[in-house]
N, C-alpha and C. Protein backbone atom coordinates (compact mmCIF):
# COMPACT_ATOMS: atom_id res chain seq x y z
N MET A 1 -24.97 17.55 20.88
CA MET A 1 -24.45 18.19 19.70
C MET A 1 -25.13 17.60 18.48
N ALA A 2 -25.64 18.42 17.59
CA ALA A 2 -26.37 17.97 16.42
C ALA A 2 -25.39 17.48 15.34
N SER A 3 -25.80 16.43 14.64
CA SER A 3 -24.99 15.90 13.56
C SER A 3 -25.18 16.75 12.30
N THR A 4 -24.10 16.98 11.59
CA THR A 4 -24.18 17.76 10.35
C THR A 4 -24.50 16.87 9.15
N GLY A 5 -24.51 15.56 9.36
CA GLY A 5 -24.78 14.64 8.26
C GLY A 5 -23.56 14.34 7.42
N LYS A 6 -22.45 15.00 7.70
CA LYS A 6 -21.22 14.77 6.94
C LYS A 6 -20.44 13.65 7.60
N PRO A 7 -19.90 12.72 6.79
CA PRO A 7 -19.09 11.66 7.38
C PRO A 7 -17.79 12.23 7.93
N ARG A 8 -17.34 11.67 9.03
CA ARG A 8 -16.08 12.09 9.61
C ARG A 8 -14.93 11.57 8.74
N PRO A 9 -13.89 12.38 8.57
CA PRO A 9 -12.74 11.88 7.81
C PRO A 9 -12.04 10.76 8.58
N LYS A 10 -11.47 9.82 7.84
CA LYS A 10 -10.74 8.73 8.47
C LYS A 10 -9.48 9.28 9.11
N LYS A 11 -9.16 8.73 10.26
CA LYS A 11 -7.91 9.09 10.91
C LYS A 11 -6.78 8.35 10.18
N THR A 12 -5.74 9.05 9.85
CA THR A 12 -4.63 8.43 9.15
C THR A 12 -3.35 8.60 9.95
N GLU A 13 -2.43 7.72 9.72
CA GLU A 13 -1.10 7.76 10.33
C GLU A 13 -0.07 7.73 9.22
N GLN A 14 1.08 8.28 9.50
CA GLN A 14 2.14 8.30 8.50
C GLN A 14 2.98 7.04 8.61
N LEU A 15 3.35 6.49 7.46
CA LEU A 15 4.21 5.31 7.39
C LEU A 15 5.29 5.64 6.38
N GLY A 16 6.52 5.56 6.77
CA GLY A 16 7.60 5.93 5.85
C GLY A 16 8.59 4.79 5.66
N PHE A 17 9.13 4.70 4.46
CA PHE A 17 10.19 3.73 4.17
C PHE A 17 10.96 4.23 2.95
N LYS A 18 12.18 3.77 2.83
CA LYS A 18 13.04 4.19 1.73
C LYS A 18 13.00 3.16 0.61
N VAL A 19 13.13 3.65 -0.62
CA VAL A 19 13.19 2.79 -1.79
C VAL A 19 14.35 3.26 -2.67
N ASP A 20 14.80 2.39 -3.56
CA ASP A 20 15.84 2.77 -4.51
C ASP A 20 15.34 3.92 -5.37
N GLN A 21 16.28 4.73 -5.84
CA GLN A 21 15.92 5.88 -6.66
C GLN A 21 15.18 5.45 -7.93
N ALA A 22 15.59 4.34 -8.53
CA ALA A 22 14.93 3.87 -9.75
C ALA A 22 13.46 3.56 -9.49
N LEU A 23 13.17 2.90 -8.38
CA LEU A 23 11.78 2.58 -8.05
C LEU A 23 11.00 3.85 -7.75
N TYR A 24 11.62 4.77 -7.04
CA TYR A 24 10.99 6.06 -6.74
C TYR A 24 10.57 6.76 -8.03
N LEU A 25 11.46 6.78 -9.00
CA LEU A 25 11.15 7.44 -10.27
C LEU A 25 10.05 6.70 -11.03
N GLU A 26 10.05 5.37 -10.95
CA GLU A 26 8.98 4.60 -11.59
C GLU A 26 7.63 4.89 -10.95
N VAL A 27 7.60 4.98 -9.64
CA VAL A 27 6.36 5.30 -8.93
C VAL A 27 5.89 6.70 -9.31
N GLU A 28 6.83 7.63 -9.36
CA GLU A 28 6.50 9.00 -9.75
C GLU A 28 5.88 9.03 -11.15
N GLU A 29 6.47 8.31 -12.08
CA GLU A 29 5.97 8.27 -13.46
C GLU A 29 4.59 7.61 -13.52
N ALA A 30 4.43 6.50 -12.81
CA ALA A 30 3.14 5.80 -12.81
C ALA A 30 2.05 6.68 -12.20
N ALA A 31 2.39 7.41 -11.14
CA ALA A 31 1.42 8.31 -10.51
C ALA A 31 0.98 9.39 -11.49
N GLN A 32 1.93 9.94 -12.23
CA GLN A 32 1.58 10.96 -13.21
C GLN A 32 0.67 10.40 -14.30
N GLU A 33 0.97 9.18 -14.75
CA GLU A 33 0.14 8.53 -15.77
C GLU A 33 -1.28 8.30 -15.26
N GLU A 34 -1.41 8.06 -13.96
CA GLU A 34 -2.72 7.82 -13.34
C GLU A 34 -3.39 9.11 -12.86
N HIS A 35 -2.72 10.24 -13.10
CA HIS A 35 -3.23 11.56 -12.69
C HIS A 35 -3.50 11.60 -11.19
N ARG A 36 -2.51 11.11 -10.43
CA ARG A 36 -2.60 11.10 -8.97
C ARG A 36 -1.31 11.67 -8.40
N LYS A 37 -1.39 12.12 -7.16
CA LYS A 37 -0.18 12.53 -6.45
C LYS A 37 0.60 11.27 -6.10
N ARG A 38 1.92 11.41 -6.05
CA ARG A 38 2.78 10.25 -5.77
C ARG A 38 2.39 9.57 -4.46
N ASN A 39 2.19 10.35 -3.38
CA ASN A 39 1.86 9.74 -2.09
C ASN A 39 0.52 9.02 -2.12
N GLU A 40 -0.45 9.59 -2.80
CA GLU A 40 -1.76 8.94 -2.91
C GLU A 40 -1.64 7.63 -3.69
N PHE A 41 -0.89 7.67 -4.79
CA PHE A 41 -0.69 6.48 -5.62
C PHE A 41 0.02 5.39 -4.81
N ALA A 42 1.09 5.76 -4.09
CA ALA A 42 1.83 4.79 -3.30
C ALA A 42 0.94 4.20 -2.19
N ARG A 43 0.10 5.02 -1.58
CA ARG A 43 -0.81 4.54 -0.54
C ARG A 43 -1.79 3.52 -1.10
N LEU A 44 -2.34 3.79 -2.28
CA LEU A 44 -3.29 2.86 -2.90
C LEU A 44 -2.61 1.53 -3.22
N ILE A 45 -1.41 1.59 -3.76
CA ILE A 45 -0.66 0.36 -4.08
C ILE A 45 -0.36 -0.41 -2.79
N PHE A 46 0.07 0.32 -1.76
CA PHE A 46 0.38 -0.32 -0.49
C PHE A 46 -0.86 -0.99 0.11
N GLU A 47 -1.98 -0.28 0.13
CA GLU A 47 -3.22 -0.84 0.69
C GLU A 47 -3.66 -2.08 -0.07
N TRP A 48 -3.56 -2.03 -1.39
CA TRP A 48 -3.94 -3.20 -2.20
C TRP A 48 -3.01 -4.37 -1.91
N GLY A 49 -1.71 -4.11 -1.90
CA GLY A 49 -0.74 -5.18 -1.64
C GLY A 49 -0.90 -5.78 -0.26
N PHE A 50 -1.17 -4.95 0.74
CA PHE A 50 -1.35 -5.47 2.09
C PHE A 50 -2.64 -6.29 2.19
N ALA A 51 -3.68 -5.87 1.50
CA ALA A 51 -4.93 -6.66 1.48
C ALA A 51 -4.67 -8.03 0.84
N GLU A 52 -3.88 -8.06 -0.22
CA GLU A 52 -3.54 -9.34 -0.86
C GLU A 52 -2.71 -10.21 0.08
N PHE A 53 -1.78 -9.60 0.81
CA PHE A 53 -0.97 -10.32 1.79
C PHE A 53 -1.87 -10.95 2.86
N LYS A 54 -2.83 -10.19 3.38
CA LYS A 54 -3.72 -10.72 4.41
C LYS A 54 -4.55 -11.88 3.87
N LYS A 55 -5.00 -11.77 2.62
CA LYS A 55 -5.78 -12.88 2.03
C LYS A 55 -4.92 -14.13 1.91
N ALA A 56 -3.65 -13.95 1.52
CA ALA A 56 -2.76 -15.09 1.32
C ALA A 56 -2.35 -15.72 2.65
N GLY A 57 -2.24 -14.91 3.71
CA GLY A 57 -1.90 -15.43 5.01
C GLY A 57 -0.42 -15.36 5.37
N SER A 58 0.43 -15.23 4.38
CA SER A 58 1.87 -15.09 4.63
C SER A 58 2.52 -14.55 3.36
N PHE A 59 3.72 -14.02 3.52
CA PHE A 59 4.43 -13.50 2.35
C PHE A 59 4.79 -14.63 1.39
N ASP A 60 5.22 -15.77 1.94
CA ASP A 60 5.56 -16.90 1.08
C ASP A 60 4.37 -17.36 0.25
N ALA A 61 3.20 -17.43 0.89
CA ALA A 61 1.99 -17.82 0.16
C ALA A 61 1.63 -16.76 -0.89
N LEU A 62 1.84 -15.51 -0.55
CA LEU A 62 1.54 -14.42 -1.48
C LEU A 62 2.34 -14.56 -2.77
N ILE A 63 3.62 -14.86 -2.64
CA ILE A 63 4.46 -14.95 -3.84
C ILE A 63 4.52 -16.36 -4.41
N GLY A 64 3.82 -17.30 -3.77
CA GLY A 64 3.75 -18.65 -4.29
C GLY A 64 4.96 -19.50 -4.00
N ARG A 65 5.71 -19.12 -2.96
CA ARG A 65 6.92 -19.88 -2.60
C ARG A 65 6.55 -20.87 -1.54
N LYS A 66 7.01 -22.08 -1.71
CA LYS A 66 6.79 -23.11 -0.69
C LYS A 66 7.92 -23.02 0.33
N THR A 67 7.55 -22.97 1.58
CA THR A 67 8.57 -22.89 2.63
C THR A 67 8.84 -24.26 3.19
N THR A 68 10.04 -24.42 3.66
CA THR A 68 10.40 -25.66 4.35
C THR A 68 10.77 -25.29 5.76
N ILE A 69 10.29 -26.07 6.69
CA ILE A 69 10.58 -25.83 8.10
C ILE A 69 11.79 -26.66 8.47
N LYS A 70 12.84 -25.98 8.91
CA LYS A 70 14.06 -26.67 9.33
C LYS A 70 13.95 -27.01 10.81
N LYS A 71 14.30 -28.22 11.16
CA LYS A 71 14.24 -28.67 12.56
C LYS A 71 15.62 -28.71 13.15
C-alpha cells in the first residue's frame, strides 16, 4: 500500500471526571478567552499538569510538600 505522505492522526482515549460547578464555569470562561473549545482547553491543561507531575516524580514533590513516612 502506497503512503499518502500524510501523518496518521494520534489515537486518543476518553478520560472523564467530575468537577465542582464553579470550576467548570471557570474552565469554560478561560477556554473562551483562549478561543478554544472547553474540552480542548481542559485536555491541554491536563497534559501540561501531568507532564509537570512526571517531572516532579510525585504529587507531594509537585506541590512542594514534604512527606513524612510513618512507621
